[in-house]
Amino acid sequence: MSSNQLGQLFSVSSFGESHGRVVGVIVDGCPAGLPLSEADLQPDLDRRRPGQGVLSTPRREADRVEIMAGVLNGYTTGAPLCLVIANQDADGAPYEALKYKPRPGHADYPAGKKYSGFADYRGGGRFSGRITASWVMAGSVAKKLLAILGIKIAAYTIAIGDVEAATSSYLDLDNPSQNPVSCPDPEAAQKMAQAIVNAAGAGDSLGGIIEVTARGVPLGWGEPVVDGLDGALARAFFAIPAVKGVEFGAGFGAARLRGSENNDDWVIRDGKVCTDTNQAGGILGGLSNAMPLVARVVVKPTPSIGQEQRTIDLRSMTETTLSIEGRHDPCIVPRAVVVVEAMTAIVLCDFALRAQVLPRVIV
């Protein structure tokens, strides 16, 4: 499997760089007969798109998707899909001064060493959050396929900085949050937005936590022990730049519970087997247990900040300082919400095909 690829039967291969010509994705394994157009993919890209207000980077990209292959007369053909957006507002000039001065918190130094100086350093190149647009395009396709099975997915912000939502259980997946930070708690959303503005004003940045819920996932999805559902999701989440932690259900909180508190009792409700609570987050032993899947990801503060930081001049091997200029999000959490959603959909779609519950031809 390529290091730029997710999935086995629903295989998603990402390509492009932050300041290259395009960002795109190849989706192999999409069933034939799925109605698909650019209009189906654009709404999620618009949610991730930069240049939307003071909480986002001023870089302005239309992010208009083009379906280059795999669709004929409005339906998928069963051939690989090629989905592309152009980088129209790329400006690599500010990064020339940083070529030999690795930015703190970025992958500049390890990537420069790994690829012997040939890696694209402009805006982080392949390591930029810009590449997540490719996952979002593939995720839109996956969500349309999962809808056939009645599976609904929604991600939302539950914390930014030290501001937390009053609840981390988002119940209404049909009506996602409409505020700029995608938080289901309106009061917390206002405080989150102000916290981002305050950090930006100080030349600083904030991180946060995104929760994602998937409902309708059938019993038994996953391929333990090394390819369990939670492991596959974690791998996908960690492919999002800036993600530094992942948990399911009670997550790290389980360490403070007794078994009697952490165990989910099996019960029968409306004639169906289910659990009375959901501390497991919908996954047991790497297999879905038919309860709502609940995962959370930790997103670190944007490392590109205006404050002076220490670094090394690799030409002279001396310590120096830098202040990063350019166009950066003071908090990437709001734009990453749809990316977490997309990654969840990609993984679930792959396991749906592996469980043979999605047909190879949609009729």
Protein backbone atom coordinates (compact mmCIF):
# COMPACT_ATOMS: atom_id res chain seq x y z
CA MET A 1 0.00 0.00 0.00
CA SER A 2 1.29 3.46 -0.92
CA SER A 3 2.08 5.90 1.88
CA ASN A 4 -0.40 8.28 0.21
CA GLN A 5 -3.21 5.73 0.03
CA LEU A 6 -6.09 4.82 2.33
CA GLY A 7 -8.28 1.76 2.05
CA GLN A 8 -8.17 -1.57 0.27
CA LEU A 9 -11.35 -2.02 -1.79
CA PHE A 10 -12.37 1.64 -1.60
CA SER A 11 -8.86 2.88 -2.29
CA VAL A 12 -8.10 6.60 -2.04
CA SER A 13 -4.76 7.99 -3.28
CA SER A 14 -3.97 11.65 -2.57
CA PHE A 15 -1.67 13.87 -4.63
CA GLY A 16 -0.62 17.52 -4.81
CA GLU A 17 1.16 20.12 -2.68
CA SER A 18 0.24 23.36 -0.94
CA HIS A 19 1.70 25.62 -3.64
CA GLY A 20 1.79 23.23 -6.59
CA ARG A 21 -0.56 23.44 -9.56
CA VAL A 22 -3.30 21.17 -8.19
CA VAL A 23 -4.50 19.07 -5.29
CA GLY A 24 -6.35 15.91 -6.17
CA VAL A 25 -7.31 12.34 -5.43
CA ILE A 26 -7.75 9.03 -7.23
CA VAL A 27 -10.66 6.96 -5.91
CA ASP A 28 -10.46 3.34 -7.03
CA GLY A 29 -13.16 0.82 -6.20
CA CYS A 30 -16.17 3.13 -6.33
CA PRO A 31 -19.12 1.05 -7.53
CA ALA A 32 -20.53 1.74 -10.97
CA GLY A 33 -23.93 3.36 -11.35
CA LEU A 34 -23.65 5.96 -8.58
CA PRO A 35 -25.11 9.30 -9.69
CA LEU A 36 -22.24 11.78 -9.28
CA SER A 37 -21.48 15.34 -10.33
CA GLU A 38 -19.31 18.23 -9.21
CA ALA A 39 -22.37 19.65 -7.44
CA ASP A 40 -22.39 16.58 -5.15
CA LEU A 41 -18.80 17.22 -4.08
CA GLN A 42 -18.68 21.00 -3.85
CA PRO A 43 -20.61 21.58 -0.58
CA ASP A 44 -18.03 19.76 1.55
CA LEU A 45 -15.17 21.52 -0.22
CA ASP A 46 -16.88 24.82 0.52
CA ARG A 47 -16.92 23.91 4.22
CA ARG A 48 -13.15 23.35 4.13
CA ARG A 49 -12.36 26.25 1.77
CA PRO A 50 -9.93 28.95 3.01
CA GLY A 51 -10.57 32.68 3.00
CA GLN A 52 -13.91 32.62 4.84
CA GLY A 53 -13.81 35.41 7.42
CA VAL A 54 -11.47 36.50 10.20
CA LEU A 55 -11.25 33.00 11.72
CA SER A 56 -9.58 31.60 8.61
CA THR A 57 -6.45 32.17 6.55
CA PRO A 58 -6.74 35.10 4.09
CA ARG A 59 -5.59 32.80 1.28
CA ARG A 60 -8.49 32.76 -1.16
CA GLU A 61 -9.13 29.64 -3.16
CA ALA A 62 -12.34 28.85 -5.04
CA ASP A 63 -11.64 25.12 -4.66
CA ARG A 64 -13.91 24.29 -7.57
CA VAL A 65 -13.74 20.55 -8.08
CA GLU A 66 -13.41 18.94 -11.52
CA ILE A 67 -14.21 15.30 -12.19
CA MET A 68 -11.50 14.37 -14.68
CA ALA A 69 -12.29 10.65 -15.07
CA GLY A 70 -14.59 7.88 -13.90
CA VAL A 71 -17.98 9.45 -14.66
CA LEU A 72 -20.01 9.17 -17.87
CA ASN A 73 -23.46 10.66 -18.43
CA GLY A 74 -23.73 11.54 -14.76
CA TYR A 75 -22.95 8.07 -13.36
CA THR A 76 -19.79 6.43 -12.08
CA THR A 77 -18.43 3.86 -14.52
CA GLY A 78 -16.57 1.58 -12.10
CA ALA A 79 -13.25 2.97 -13.34
CA PRO A 80 -11.05 5.06 -11.01
CA LEU A 81 -12.35 8.54 -10.27
CA CYS A 82 -9.91 11.43 -10.68
CA LEU A 83 -10.99 14.52 -8.73
CA VAL A 84 -8.96 17.73 -8.90
CA ILE A 85 -8.97 21.33 -7.64
CA ALA A 86 -6.55 24.02 -8.83
CA ASN A 87 -4.31 26.08 -6.57
CA GLN A 88 -5.21 29.53 -7.86
CA ASP A 89 -3.92 31.74 -5.03
CA ALA A 90 -0.59 30.05 -4.34
CA ASP A 91 2.32 32.30 -3.37
CA GLY A 92 5.54 30.51 -2.55
CA ALA A 93 7.65 33.68 -2.33
CA PRO A 94 7.42 34.11 1.48
CA TYR A 95 8.89 30.63 1.91
CA GLU A 96 12.14 31.30 0.05
CA ALA A 97 13.53 33.04 3.14
CA LEU A 98 12.58 30.01 5.22
CA LYS A 99 14.16 27.38 2.97
CA TYR A 100 17.15 26.99 5.28
CA LYS A 101 15.36 27.97 8.49
CA PRO A 102 13.00 25.16 9.57
CA ARG A 103 9.83 26.47 11.17
CA PRO A 104 9.15 25.30 14.75
CA GLY A 105 6.22 22.90 14.91
CA HIS A 106 6.39 22.08 11.18
CA ALA A 107 7.84 19.06 9.35
CA ASP A 108 10.35 21.23 7.48
CA TYR A 109 13.50 19.82 9.11
CA PRO A 110 12.70 16.07 9.10
CA ALA A 111 11.21 16.29 5.58
CA GLY A 112 14.23 18.20 4.31
CA LYS A 113 16.56 15.54 5.68
CA LYS A 114 14.44 12.57 4.54
CA TYR A 115 14.23 13.81 0.94
CA SER A 116 17.74 15.33 0.86
CA GLY A 117 16.44 18.84 0.21
CA PHE A 118 14.18 17.91 -2.72
CA ALA A 119 10.88 18.10 -0.81
CA ASP A 120 8.59 20.99 -1.77
CA TYR A 121 9.13 23.47 1.07
CA ARG A 122 6.58 26.07 -0.07
CA GLY A 123 3.88 26.25 2.57
CA GLY A 124 4.87 22.84 3.86
CA GLY A 125 4.39 21.25 0.45
CA ARG A 126 3.05 17.74 0.88
CA PHE A 127 2.85 18.23 4.66
CA SER A 128 0.43 21.16 4.43
CA GLY A 129 -3.17 21.14 5.56
CA ARG A 130 -3.95 22.12 1.97
CA ILE A 131 -3.71 18.46 0.94
CA THR A 132 -6.75 17.63 3.07
CA ALA A 133 -8.91 18.92 0.23
CA SER A 134 -8.19 15.62 -1.51
CA TRP A 135 -9.56 13.63 1.44
CA VAL A 136 -12.67 15.83 1.49
CA MET A 137 -13.39 15.12 -2.18
CA ALA A 138 -13.07 11.36 -1.65
CA GLY A 139 -15.10 11.60 1.55
CA SER A 140 -18.00 13.19 -0.31
CA VAL A 141 -18.12 10.20 -2.64
CA ALA A 142 -17.94 7.82 0.33
CA LYS A 143 -20.75 9.60 2.17
CA LYS A 144 -23.00 9.33 -0.86
CA LEU A 145 -22.35 5.57 -0.98
CA LEU A 146 -22.89 5.14 2.77
CA ALA A 147 -26.20 7.00 2.52
CA ILE A 148 -27.46 4.04 0.49
CA LEU A 149 -26.97 1.96 3.65
CA GLY A 150 -28.60 4.57 5.88
CA ILE A 151 -25.32 5.55 7.58
CA LYS A 152 -25.07 9.17 8.72
CA ILE A 153 -21.85 10.89 9.77
CA ALA A 154 -21.34 14.27 11.40
CA ALA A 155 -18.28 15.91 12.95
CA TYR A 156 -18.31 19.00 15.14
CA THR A 157 -16.07 21.07 17.41
CA ILE A 158 -16.24 20.35 21.13
CA ALA A 159 -13.25 22.42 22.30
CA ILE A 160 -11.04 25.26 21.13
CA GLY A 161 -8.28 26.32 23.49
CA ASP A 162 -9.73 26.22 26.99
CA VAL A 163 -13.31 26.77 25.79
CA GLU A 164 -15.37 23.57 25.83
CA ALA A 165 -18.87 22.82 24.60
CA ALA A 166 -21.40 22.06 27.33
CA THR A 167 -22.04 18.65 25.79
CA SER A 168 -19.89 16.32 23.71
CA SER A 169 -22.84 14.26 22.55
CA TYR A 170 -24.24 15.63 19.32
CA LEU A 171 -27.59 14.01 18.67
CA ASP A 172 -29.09 15.75 15.64
CA LEU A 173 -27.00 14.59 12.71
CA ASP A 174 -29.55 15.95 10.24
CA ASN A 175 -29.02 19.55 11.37
CA PRO A 176 -25.29 20.28 11.67
CA SER A 177 -24.03 23.41 13.39
CA GLN A 178 -24.19 26.51 11.23
CA ASN A 179 -21.86 28.77 13.25
CA PRO A 180 -18.31 29.58 12.04
CA VAL A 181 -16.65 27.13 14.44
CA SER A 182 -19.07 24.21 13.81
CA CYS A 183 -19.90 23.80 17.50
CA PRO A 184 -23.33 22.42 18.57
CA ASP A 185 -23.29 24.64 21.68
CA PRO A 186 -24.15 28.21 20.50
CA GLU A 187 -22.88 29.91 23.66
CA ALA A 188 -19.57 28.06 23.57
CA ALA A 189 -19.32 28.75 19.83
CA GLN A 190 -19.30 32.51 20.46
CA LYS A 191 -16.60 32.15 23.11
CA MET A 192 -14.54 29.94 20.80
CA ALA A 193 -14.71 32.48 17.99
CA GLN A 194 -13.61 35.27 20.33
CA ALA A 195 -10.76 33.15 21.66
CA ILE A 196 -9.49 32.64 18.10
CA VAL A 197 -9.68 36.37 17.39
CA ASN A 198 -7.78 37.11 20.60
CA ALA A 199 -5.04 34.60 19.79
CA ALA A 200 -4.65 35.97 16.28
CA GLY A 201 -4.38 39.49 17.64
CA ALA A 202 -1.46 38.35 19.80
CA GLY A 203 0.27 36.75 16.83
CA ASP A 204 -0.56 33.33 18.23
CA SER A 205 -2.83 30.36 17.50
CA LEU A 206 -5.11 27.80 19.15
CA GLY A 207 -5.86 24.09 18.85
CA GLY A 208 -8.89 22.09 19.86
CA ILE A 209 -10.86 18.85 19.78
CA ILE A 210 -13.20 17.54 17.08
CA GLU A 211 -15.72 14.79 17.74
CA VAL A 212 -17.27 12.65 15.02
CA THR A 213 -20.34 10.43 15.27
CA ALA A 214 -21.50 7.79 12.80
CA ARG A 215 -24.95 6.23 13.17
CA GLY A 216 -26.25 3.15 11.40
CA VAL A 217 -22.95 1.25 11.21
CA PRO A 218 -23.90 -2.46 11.19
CA LEU A 219 -22.56 -5.09 13.56
CA GLY A 220 -19.18 -6.69 12.84
CA TRP A 221 -17.30 -4.27 10.57
CA GLY A 222 -13.54 -4.49 11.00
CA GLU A 223 -10.76 -7.00 10.35
CA PRO A 224 -9.00 -7.74 13.67
CA VAL A 225 -6.45 -7.92 14.95
CA VAL A 226 -4.17 -5.60 13.02
CA ASP A 227 -6.87 -4.08 10.82
CA GLY A 228 -9.64 -3.40 13.29
CA LEU A 229 -12.11 -0.60 12.68
CA ASP A 230 -10.65 1.66 15.37
CA GLY A 231 -7.11 1.08 14.11
CA ALA A 232 -8.08 1.92 10.54
CA LEU A 233 -9.88 5.07 11.66
CA ALA A 234 -6.93 6.15 13.80
CA ARG A 235 -4.58 5.68 10.85
CA ALA A 236 -6.84 7.85 8.71
CA PHE A 237 -7.17 10.55 11.36
CA PHE A 238 -3.41 10.74 11.82
CA ALA A 239 -3.08 11.34 8.07
CA ILE A 240 -4.60 14.77 8.76
CA PRO A 241 -1.78 17.24 9.41
CA ALA A 242 -1.87 18.67 12.97
CA VAL A 243 -3.78 15.74 14.52
CA LYS A 244 -1.89 14.68 17.66
CA GLY A 245 -4.33 12.44 19.49
CA VAL A 246 -7.25 10.06 18.86
CA GLU A 247 -9.70 8.38 21.25
CA PHE A 248 -12.90 6.35 20.99
CA GLY A 249 -15.82 6.41 23.38
CA ALA A 250 -14.60 7.09 26.91
CA GLY A 251 -11.08 7.15 25.49
CA PHE A 252 -8.39 8.27 27.92
CA GLY A 253 -11.13 8.84 30.48
CA ALA A 254 -11.47 5.06 30.78
CA ALA A 255 -8.20 5.04 32.71
CA ARG A 256 -10.00 6.73 35.61
CA LEU A 257 -12.97 4.35 35.64
CA ARG A 258 -13.57 0.97 37.22
CA GLY A 259 -14.65 -1.93 35.07
CA SER A 260 -18.14 -1.68 36.55
CA GLU A 261 -18.29 1.90 35.24
CA ASN A 262 -16.59 1.40 31.90
CA ASN A 263 -18.37 -1.76 30.78
CA ASP A 264 -21.43 -1.28 28.56
CA ASP A 265 -24.19 -3.65 29.71
CA TRP A 266 -25.97 -5.58 26.97
CA VAL A 267 -29.74 -4.97 26.89
CA ILE A 268 -32.68 -5.46 24.54
CA ARG A 269 -34.47 -2.36 23.33
CA ASP A 270 -37.34 -2.45 20.83
CA GLY A 271 -36.49 -6.07 20.13
CA LYS A 272 -32.85 -5.29 19.29
CA VAL A 273 -29.65 -6.14 21.12
CA CYS A 274 -27.74 -3.01 22.12
CA THR A 275 -25.75 -1.58 25.01
CA ASP A 276 -27.15 0.52 27.82
CA THR A 277 -24.25 3.00 27.58
CA ASN A 278 -21.58 3.63 24.93
CA GLN A 279 -18.26 3.89 26.71
CA ALA A 280 -16.74 1.77 23.92
CA GLY A 281 -17.67 4.34 21.29
CA GLY A 282 -19.30 1.73 19.07
CA ILE A 283 -16.24 -0.52 18.71
CA LEU A 284 -15.28 -3.69 20.64
CA GLY A 285 -12.23 -5.77 19.76
CA GLY A 286 -11.78 -3.81 16.55
CA LEU A 287 -15.34 -4.65 15.42
CA SER A 288 -18.34 -2.35 15.21
CA ASN A 289 -20.94 -3.30 17.82
CA ALA A 290 -23.91 -1.57 16.08
CA MET A 291 -23.94 1.31 18.57
CA PRO A 292 -23.12 4.85 17.41
CA LEU A 293 -19.46 5.21 16.53
CA VAL A 294 -17.97 8.08 18.55
CA ALA A 295 -14.37 9.27 18.11
CA ARG A 296 -12.46 12.41 19.02
CA VAL A 297 -9.30 13.88 17.54
CA VAL A 298 -6.95 16.42 19.07
CA VAL A 299 -5.76 19.16 16.73
CA LYS A 300 -2.65 21.07 17.77
CA PRO A 301 -2.39 24.88 17.52
CA THR A 302 -1.41 26.12 14.08
CA PRO A 303 2.42 26.15 14.20
CA SER A 304 2.73 29.15 11.85
CA ILE A 305 2.54 32.16 14.20
CA GLY A 306 3.68 35.76 14.04
CA GLN A 307 5.59 35.71 17.30
CA GLU A 308 9.38 35.43 17.25
CA GLN A 309 10.62 31.85 17.62
CA ARG A 310 14.02 30.20 17.77
CA THR A 311 15.36 28.04 14.96
CA ILE A 312 18.57 27.08 13.14
CA ASP A 313 20.14 28.50 9.99
CA LEU A 314 21.14 25.25 8.32
CA ARG A 315 23.66 26.97 6.04
CA SER A 316 25.80 28.26 8.88
CA MET A 317 24.57 25.82 11.54
CA THR A 318 23.95 28.68 13.93
CA GLU A 319 20.97 29.49 16.10
CA THR A 320 18.73 32.30 14.89
CA THR A 321 15.14 33.53 15.15
CA LEU A 322 12.23 33.93 12.79
CA SER A 323 8.73 35.41 12.69
CA ILE A 324 6.51 33.65 10.20
CA GLU A 325 4.78 35.83 7.67
CA GLY A 326 2.25 34.76 5.08
CA ARG A 327 -1.33 33.56 5.25
CA HIS A 328 -2.23 31.14 8.02
CA ASP A 329 -5.24 30.04 10.04
CA PRO A 330 -5.09 31.19 13.66
CA CYS A 331 -6.99 27.97 14.40
CA ILE A 332 -7.46 25.18 11.90
CA VAL A 333 -10.08 23.29 13.93
CA PRO A 334 -13.18 24.77 12.22
CA ARG A 335 -11.93 23.88 8.73
CA ALA A 336 -10.72 20.45 9.88
CA VAL A 337 -14.20 19.37 11.01
CA VAL A 338 -15.25 18.32 7.51
CA VAL A 339 -11.90 16.56 7.02
CA VAL A 340 -12.49 14.36 10.08
CA GLU A 341 -15.94 13.63 8.71
CA ALA A 342 -14.44 12.68 5.33
CA MET A 343 -11.84 10.35 6.84
CA THR A 344 -14.52 8.55 8.81
CA ALA A 345 -16.60 8.10 5.65
CA ILE A 346 -13.64 6.80 3.60
CA VAL A 347 -12.81 4.13 6.18
CA LEU A 348 -16.43 3.07 6.67
CA CYS A 349 -16.99 2.86 2.92
CA ASP A 350 -13.96 0.60 2.56
CA PHE A 351 -15.22 -1.71 5.29
CA ALA A 352 -18.71 -1.69 3.75
CA LEU A 353 -17.23 -3.07 0.53
CA ARG A 354 -15.12 -5.56 2.45
CA ALA A 355 -18.24 -6.71 4.32
CA GLN A 356 -19.95 -7.12 0.93
CA VAL A 357 -22.92 -4.96 1.88
CA LEU A 358 -22.27 -2.42 -0.89
CA PRO A 359 -22.80 -3.83 -4.39
CA ARG A 360 -20.23 -3.37 -7.16
CA VAL A 361 -22.98 -1.86 -9.32
CA ILE A 362 -25.61 0.52 -7.93
CA VAL A 363 -28.99 -0.26 -9.52
